[in-house]
Amino acid sequence: MKRFLIVAALATAAGSALAADVGVSVSIGQPGFYGRIDIGNAPQPQLIYSAPVIIRQVPVGVVRQPIYLSVPPGHEKKWSKHCRKYNACGQPVYFVQQDWYTNVYAPDYRNKHGDDGKGYGKEKKEKKEKKEKN
């Protein structure tokens, strides 16, 4: 009986783990994406703070380039609690405003990379269009 209860408990735990494994993937350039963004040639970002935030100082003589992050509301206020999730505790970080990310950066990114919302990159989209014409 004891063995049956252990097997039943393990089966239940495994089933719960499999059910919890369902997720949604959101990639850069889409609304709801949080993480590191590459400003590149994108329009000038609107920042939450004008100076970069650094949680852990780096050794003397080491210079780290600042990074730009899109984070959920409130993460920038308690950055020391959240910086590990983004692997950015020792980095100077600029936090971009969500309105700028959603209304300026994301459309610009999708336009440059050819994402039409169906997962097609620029090259794949061109190949598909060429194939449909022939």
N, C-alpha and C. Protein backbone atom coordinates (compact mmCIF):
# COMPACT_ATOMS: atom_id res chain seq x y z
N MET A 1 0.83 -1.19 0.00
CA MET A 1 0.00 0.00 0.00
C MET A 1 0.88 1.26 0.00
N LYS A 2 1.94 1.19 0.78
CA LYS A 2 2.85 2.32 0.88
C LYS A 2 3.48 2.59 -0.49
N ARG A 3 3.87 1.52 -1.17
CA ARG A 3 4.49 1.63 -2.49
C ARG A 3 3.50 2.27 -3.48
N PHE A 4 2.23 1.89 -3.41
CA PHE A 4 1.21 2.44 -4.29
C PHE A 4 1.06 3.94 -4.08
N LEU A 5 1.05 4.38 -2.82
CA LEU A 5 0.91 5.81 -2.51
C LEU A 5 2.11 6.60 -3.04
N ILE A 6 3.30 6.04 -2.93
CA ILE A 6 4.50 6.72 -3.43
C ILE A 6 4.43 6.86 -4.95
N VAL A 7 4.05 5.78 -5.63
CA VAL A 7 3.93 5.82 -7.10
C VAL A 7 2.85 6.81 -7.52
N ALA A 8 1.74 6.82 -6.81
CA ALA A 8 0.65 7.75 -7.12
C ALA A 8 1.10 9.20 -6.92
N ALA A 9 1.83 9.46 -5.85
CA ALA A 9 2.32 10.81 -5.58
C ALA A 9 3.31 11.26 -6.66
N LEU A 10 4.20 10.36 -7.07
CA LEU A 10 5.16 10.70 -8.12
C LEU A 10 4.46 10.95 -9.45
N ALA A 11 3.46 10.16 -9.76
CA ALA A 11 2.71 10.34 -11.01
C ALA A 11 1.98 11.68 -11.00
N THR A 12 1.41 12.02 -9.87
CA THR A 12 0.71 13.30 -9.75
C THR A 12 1.69 14.46 -9.91
N ALA A 13 2.84 14.36 -9.28
CA ALA A 13 3.85 15.41 -9.38
C ALA A 13 4.36 15.54 -10.81
N ALA A 14 4.58 14.44 -11.48
CA ALA A 14 5.05 14.48 -12.88
C ALA A 14 3.99 15.09 -13.78
N GLY A 15 2.74 14.76 -13.56
CA GLY A 15 1.66 15.33 -14.36
C GLY A 15 1.54 16.82 -14.16
N SER A 16 1.71 17.27 -12.92
CA SER A 16 1.66 18.70 -12.63
C SER A 16 2.81 19.42 -13.30
N ALA A 17 3.99 18.81 -13.28
CA ALA A 17 5.16 19.44 -13.90
C ALA A 17 4.95 19.56 -15.40
N LEU A 18 4.38 18.54 -16.04
CA LEU A 18 4.14 18.60 -17.48
C LEU A 18 3.09 19.65 -17.80
N ALA A 19 2.06 19.77 -16.99
CA ALA A 19 1.02 20.75 -17.24
C ALA A 19 1.56 22.16 -17.06
N ALA A 20 2.48 22.36 -16.14
CA ALA A 20 3.04 23.69 -15.88
C ALA A 20 4.05 24.09 -16.93
N ASP A 21 4.45 23.16 -17.80
CA ASP A 21 5.47 23.45 -18.80
C ASP A 21 4.92 24.18 -20.02
N VAL A 22 3.63 24.45 -20.05
CA VAL A 22 3.04 25.16 -21.17
C VAL A 22 3.41 26.64 -21.02
N GLY A 23 3.92 27.24 -22.10
CA GLY A 23 4.32 28.64 -22.03
C GLY A 23 4.09 29.35 -23.34
N VAL A 24 4.25 30.64 -23.29
CA VAL A 24 4.13 31.48 -24.47
C VAL A 24 5.46 32.13 -24.72
N SER A 25 5.90 32.09 -25.95
CA SER A 25 7.17 32.69 -26.32
C SER A 25 6.93 34.06 -26.92
N VAL A 26 7.54 35.06 -26.34
CA VAL A 26 7.45 36.42 -26.85
C VAL A 26 8.85 36.84 -27.22
N SER A 27 9.04 37.26 -28.46
CA SER A 27 10.39 37.63 -28.89
C SER A 27 10.52 39.14 -29.04
N ILE A 28 11.76 39.55 -29.17
CA ILE A 28 12.07 40.97 -29.28
C ILE A 28 11.30 41.59 -30.44
N GLY A 29 10.84 42.80 -30.24
CA GLY A 29 10.06 43.48 -31.26
C GLY A 29 8.57 43.28 -31.09
N GLN A 30 8.18 42.42 -30.16
CA GLN A 30 6.76 42.19 -29.90
C GLN A 30 6.38 42.85 -28.59
N PRO A 31 5.13 43.33 -28.48
CA PRO A 31 4.67 43.87 -27.20
C PRO A 31 4.76 42.79 -26.13
N GLY A 32 5.12 43.17 -24.93
CA GLY A 32 5.23 42.21 -23.85
C GLY A 32 6.60 41.59 -23.71
N PHE A 33 7.54 41.96 -24.59
CA PHE A 33 8.91 41.44 -24.47
C PHE A 33 9.64 42.23 -23.41
N TYR A 34 10.33 41.52 -22.53
CA TYR A 34 11.17 42.17 -21.52
C TYR A 34 12.56 41.58 -21.64
N GLY A 35 13.56 42.44 -21.67
CA GLY A 35 14.93 41.98 -21.77
C GLY A 35 15.80 43.00 -22.47
N ARG A 36 16.97 42.53 -22.88
CA ARG A 36 17.98 43.38 -23.50
C ARG A 36 17.56 43.71 -24.94
N ILE A 37 17.69 44.97 -25.29
CA ILE A 37 17.39 45.37 -26.66
C ILE A 37 18.61 46.07 -27.25
N ASP A 38 18.76 45.91 -28.54
CA ASP A 38 19.87 46.52 -29.27
C ASP A 38 19.33 47.78 -29.94
N ILE A 39 19.79 48.93 -29.48
CA ILE A 39 19.30 50.19 -30.01
C ILE A 39 19.76 50.37 -31.45
N GLY A 40 21.03 50.07 -31.74
CA GLY A 40 21.53 50.17 -33.11
C GLY A 40 21.15 51.48 -33.77
N ASN A 41 20.46 51.39 -34.91
CA ASN A 41 20.03 52.59 -35.65
C ASN A 41 18.59 52.98 -35.33
N ALA A 42 18.04 52.43 -34.26
CA ALA A 42 16.66 52.75 -33.87
C ALA A 42 16.61 54.21 -33.42
N PRO A 43 15.42 54.80 -33.43
CA PRO A 43 15.28 56.16 -32.93
C PRO A 43 15.75 56.28 -31.48
N GLN A 44 16.17 57.47 -31.10
CA GLN A 44 16.68 57.74 -29.75
C GLN A 44 15.69 57.24 -28.70
N PRO A 45 16.16 56.43 -27.75
CA PRO A 45 15.23 55.88 -26.75
C PRO A 45 14.79 56.91 -25.72
N GLN A 46 13.58 56.74 -25.24
CA GLN A 46 13.09 57.52 -24.11
C GLN A 46 13.37 56.68 -22.88
N LEU A 47 14.07 57.27 -21.91
CA LEU A 47 14.54 56.53 -20.75
C LEU A 47 13.73 56.85 -19.50
N ILE A 48 13.69 55.90 -18.59
CA ILE A 48 13.03 56.11 -17.30
C ILE A 48 13.92 56.98 -16.42
N TYR A 49 15.24 56.68 -16.37
CA TYR A 49 16.22 57.49 -15.64
C TYR A 49 17.26 57.97 -16.64
N SER A 50 17.73 59.20 -16.46
CA SER A 50 18.69 59.74 -17.43
C SER A 50 20.10 59.16 -17.26
N ALA A 51 20.43 58.68 -16.07
CA ALA A 51 21.75 58.09 -15.82
C ALA A 51 21.61 56.57 -15.72
N PRO A 52 22.65 55.83 -16.13
CA PRO A 52 22.54 54.36 -16.01
C PRO A 52 22.55 53.92 -14.56
N VAL A 53 21.90 52.80 -14.28
CA VAL A 53 21.84 52.22 -12.94
C VAL A 53 22.85 51.08 -12.90
N ILE A 54 23.68 51.05 -11.84
CA ILE A 54 24.66 49.98 -11.67
C ILE A 54 24.49 49.44 -10.25
N ILE A 55 24.24 48.15 -10.13
CA ILE A 55 24.03 47.53 -8.82
C ILE A 55 25.36 47.10 -8.20
N ARG A 56 26.18 46.43 -8.94
CA ARG A 56 27.45 45.92 -8.42
C ARG A 56 28.57 46.53 -9.24
N GLN A 57 29.45 47.23 -8.58
CA GLN A 57 30.57 47.86 -9.27
C GLN A 57 31.50 46.79 -9.84
N VAL A 58 32.07 47.07 -10.99
CA VAL A 58 33.03 46.16 -11.61
C VAL A 58 34.42 46.53 -11.13
N PRO A 59 35.40 45.61 -11.26
CA PRO A 59 36.77 45.91 -10.82
C PRO A 59 37.33 47.13 -11.53
N VAL A 60 38.25 47.81 -10.85
CA VAL A 60 38.91 48.99 -11.40
C VAL A 60 39.62 48.60 -12.69
N GLY A 61 39.49 49.43 -13.71
CA GLY A 61 40.13 49.17 -14.99
C GLY A 61 39.24 48.44 -15.97
N VAL A 62 38.12 47.88 -15.49
CA VAL A 62 37.18 47.19 -16.38
C VAL A 62 36.09 48.18 -16.77
N VAL A 63 35.92 48.36 -18.05
CA VAL A 63 34.89 49.28 -18.53
C VAL A 63 33.81 48.47 -19.23
N ARG A 64 32.60 48.62 -18.78
CA ARG A 64 31.48 47.91 -19.39
C ARG A 64 30.60 48.92 -20.13
N GLN A 65 30.22 48.56 -21.33
CA GLN A 65 29.32 49.41 -22.10
C GLN A 65 27.92 49.32 -21.51
N PRO A 66 27.21 50.43 -21.48
CA PRO A 66 25.84 50.36 -20.96
C PRO A 66 24.95 49.54 -21.88
N ILE A 67 23.92 48.95 -21.29
CA ILE A 67 22.93 48.19 -22.06
C ILE A 67 21.57 48.84 -21.86
N TYR A 68 20.67 48.57 -22.79
CA TYR A 68 19.31 49.08 -22.72
C TYR A 68 18.39 47.90 -22.44
N LEU A 69 17.50 48.10 -21.48
CA LEU A 69 16.58 47.02 -21.11
C LEU A 69 15.14 47.51 -21.11
N SER A 70 14.28 46.62 -21.54
CA SER A 70 12.85 46.79 -21.38
C SER A 70 12.47 45.87 -20.23
N VAL A 71 11.93 46.43 -19.16
CA VAL A 71 11.58 45.61 -17.99
C VAL A 71 10.14 45.89 -17.59
N PRO A 72 9.50 44.93 -16.90
CA PRO A 72 8.13 45.16 -16.43
C PRO A 72 8.08 46.34 -15.47
N PRO A 73 6.96 47.02 -15.41
CA PRO A 73 6.82 48.16 -14.50
C PRO A 73 7.20 47.78 -13.07
N GLY A 74 8.02 48.62 -12.45
CA GLY A 74 8.45 48.41 -11.06
C GLY A 74 9.79 47.72 -10.91
N HIS A 75 10.24 46.98 -11.91
CA HIS A 75 11.53 46.29 -11.80
C HIS A 75 12.67 47.28 -11.69
N GLU A 76 12.57 48.41 -12.35
CA GLU A 76 13.66 49.38 -12.28
C GLU A 76 13.78 50.01 -10.90
N LYS A 77 12.68 50.07 -10.16
CA LYS A 77 12.70 50.67 -8.82
C LYS A 77 13.43 49.78 -7.82
N LYS A 78 13.32 48.48 -7.98
CA LYS A 78 13.99 47.53 -7.09
C LYS A 78 14.95 46.69 -7.93
N TRP A 79 15.82 47.37 -8.67
CA TRP A 79 16.69 46.72 -9.62
C TRP A 79 17.60 45.70 -8.97
N SER A 80 18.05 45.93 -7.75
CA SER A 80 18.93 44.97 -7.08
C SER A 80 18.25 43.62 -6.89
N LYS A 81 16.94 43.62 -6.80
CA LYS A 81 16.18 42.38 -6.65
C LYS A 81 16.03 41.65 -7.99
N HIS A 82 16.03 42.38 -9.11
CA HIS A 82 15.71 41.79 -10.41
C HIS A 82 16.88 41.67 -11.37
N CYS A 83 18.01 42.30 -11.09
CA CYS A 83 19.10 42.35 -12.07
C CYS A 83 19.64 40.97 -12.44
N ARG A 84 19.58 40.02 -11.54
CA ARG A 84 20.09 38.67 -11.83
C ARG A 84 19.31 38.00 -12.97
N LYS A 85 18.00 38.25 -13.03
CA LYS A 85 17.16 37.65 -14.08
C LYS A 85 17.63 38.07 -15.47
N TYR A 86 18.24 39.24 -15.55
CA TYR A 86 18.66 39.79 -16.83
C TYR A 86 20.17 39.70 -17.03
N ASN A 87 20.86 39.06 -16.08
CA ASN A 87 22.32 38.94 -16.12
C ASN A 87 22.96 40.32 -16.29
N ALA A 88 22.51 41.27 -15.47
CA ALA A 88 22.93 42.66 -15.64
C ALA A 88 23.27 43.36 -14.33
N CYS A 89 23.65 42.62 -13.30
CA CYS A 89 23.96 43.27 -12.02
C CYS A 89 25.23 44.12 -12.08
N GLY A 90 26.20 43.72 -12.87
CA GLY A 90 27.45 44.46 -12.96
C GLY A 90 27.51 45.37 -14.18
N GLN A 91 26.39 45.59 -14.83
CA GLN A 91 26.33 46.40 -16.05
C GLN A 91 25.69 47.75 -15.77
N PRO A 92 26.15 48.79 -16.44
CA PRO A 92 25.38 50.04 -16.41
C PRO A 92 24.13 49.82 -17.27
N VAL A 93 22.96 50.08 -16.72
CA VAL A 93 21.70 49.79 -17.40
C VAL A 93 20.87 51.05 -17.57
N TYR A 94 20.39 51.24 -18.80
CA TYR A 94 19.39 52.25 -19.10
C TYR A 94 18.07 51.53 -19.27
N PHE A 95 17.05 52.00 -18.58
CA PHE A 95 15.72 51.41 -18.71
C PHE A 95 14.90 52.24 -19.69
N VAL A 96 14.39 51.59 -20.73
CA VAL A 96 13.60 52.31 -21.72
C VAL A 96 12.14 52.35 -21.27
N GLN A 97 11.47 53.42 -21.64
CA GLN A 97 10.05 53.56 -21.31
C GLN A 97 9.24 52.59 -22.16
N GLN A 98 8.21 51.99 -21.57
CA GLN A 98 7.39 51.02 -22.28
C GLN A 98 6.66 51.63 -23.47
N ASP A 99 6.20 52.87 -23.34
CA ASP A 99 5.53 53.52 -24.47
C ASP A 99 6.48 53.63 -25.66
N TRP A 100 7.73 54.01 -25.40
CA TRP A 100 8.71 54.12 -26.48
C TRP A 100 8.97 52.74 -27.10
N TYR A 101 9.13 51.73 -26.25
CA TYR A 101 9.38 50.38 -26.75
C TYR A 101 8.22 49.91 -27.64
N THR A 102 7.01 50.05 -27.15
CA THR A 102 5.82 49.55 -27.85
C THR A 102 5.51 50.33 -29.12
N ASN A 103 5.61 51.67 -29.04
CA ASN A 103 5.16 52.50 -30.15
C ASN A 103 6.25 52.92 -31.13
N VAL A 104 7.52 52.84 -30.71
CA VAL A 104 8.62 53.28 -31.59
C VAL A 104 9.56 52.12 -31.92
N TYR A 105 10.14 51.51 -30.89
CA TYR A 105 11.16 50.48 -31.13
C TYR A 105 10.59 49.22 -31.78
N ALA A 106 9.53 48.68 -31.21
CA ALA A 106 8.98 47.42 -31.73
C ALA A 106 8.55 47.53 -33.20
N PRO A 107 7.80 48.58 -33.59
CA PRO A 107 7.46 48.68 -35.02
C PRO A 107 8.70 48.87 -35.91
N ASP A 108 9.68 49.64 -35.44
CA ASP A 108 10.92 49.84 -36.20
C ASP A 108 11.67 48.53 -36.34
N TYR A 109 11.75 47.75 -35.27
CA TYR A 109 12.43 46.46 -35.29
C TYR A 109 11.75 45.50 -36.27
N ARG A 110 10.43 45.41 -36.19
CA ARG A 110 9.69 44.52 -37.09
C ARG A 110 9.84 44.95 -38.54
N ASN A 111 9.86 46.25 -38.78
CA ASN A 111 10.02 46.74 -40.14
C ASN A 111 11.40 46.39 -40.70
N LYS A 112 12.44 46.56 -39.90
CA LYS A 112 13.81 46.27 -40.34
C LYS A 112 14.07 44.78 -40.50
N HIS A 113 13.42 43.96 -39.67
CA HIS A 113 13.67 42.53 -39.69
C HIS A 113 12.60 41.75 -40.45
N GLY A 114 11.63 42.45 -41.01
CA GLY A 114 10.64 41.81 -41.86
C GLY A 114 9.68 40.89 -41.16
N ASP A 115 9.47 41.03 -39.87
CA ASP A 115 8.54 40.15 -39.16
C ASP A 115 7.13 40.66 -39.38
N ASP A 116 6.32 39.85 -40.05
CA ASP A 116 4.94 40.24 -40.33
C ASP A 116 3.96 39.70 -39.30
N GLY A 117 4.47 39.22 -38.18
CA GLY A 117 3.60 38.67 -37.14
C GLY A 117 3.33 37.19 -37.31
N LYS A 118 3.80 36.59 -38.42
CA LYS A 118 3.58 35.17 -38.66
C LYS A 118 4.87 34.39 -38.48
N GLY A 119 5.89 35.04 -37.95
CA GLY A 119 7.15 34.36 -37.70
C GLY A 119 8.07 34.34 -38.91
N TYR A 120 7.72 35.07 -39.97
CA TYR A 120 8.59 35.09 -41.14
C TYR A 120 9.62 36.21 -41.01
N GLY A 121 10.87 35.85 -41.13
CA GLY A 121 11.93 36.85 -41.20
C GLY A 121 11.97 37.39 -42.61
N LYS A 122 12.75 38.41 -42.82
CA LYS A 122 12.82 39.08 -44.12
C LYS A 122 13.19 38.10 -45.24
N GLU A 123 14.24 37.28 -45.02
CA GLU A 123 14.68 36.35 -46.07
C GLU A 123 13.62 35.29 -46.35
N LYS A 124 13.03 34.73 -45.31
CA LYS A 124 12.00 33.70 -45.49
C LYS A 124 10.80 34.27 -46.23
N LYS A 125 10.44 35.50 -45.89
CA LYS A 125 9.30 36.12 -46.53
C LYS A 125 9.57 36.33 -48.02
N GLU A 126 10.77 36.81 -48.35
CA GLU A 126 11.13 37.03 -49.76
C GLU A 126 11.13 35.72 -50.53
N LYS A 127 11.68 34.65 -49.94
CA LYS A 127 11.69 33.34 -50.60
C LYS A 127 10.27 32.84 -50.83
N LYS A 128 9.41 33.02 -49.83
CA LYS A 128 8.03 32.56 -49.95
C LYS A 128 7.32 33.32 -51.06
N GLU A 129 7.51 34.65 -51.12
CA GLU A 129 6.88 35.45 -52.16
C GLU A 129 7.38 35.05 -53.53
N LYS A 130 8.69 34.80 -53.64
CA LYS A 130 9.29 34.41 -54.92
C LYS A 130 8.72 33.06 -55.36
N LYS A 131 8.58 32.13 -54.43
CA LYS A 131 8.07 30.80 -54.72
C LYS A 131 6.61 30.88 -55.18
N GLU A 132 5.82 31.76 -54.54
CA GLU A 132 4.41 31.90 -54.90
C GLU A 132 4.25 32.50 -56.30
N LYS A 133 5.18 33.36 -56.72
CA LYS A 133 5.12 33.98 -58.05
C LYS A 133 5.41 32.95 -59.14
N ASN A 134 6.28 31.98 -58.86
CA ASN A 134 6.64 30.96 -59.85
C ASN A 134 5.63 29.90 -59.87
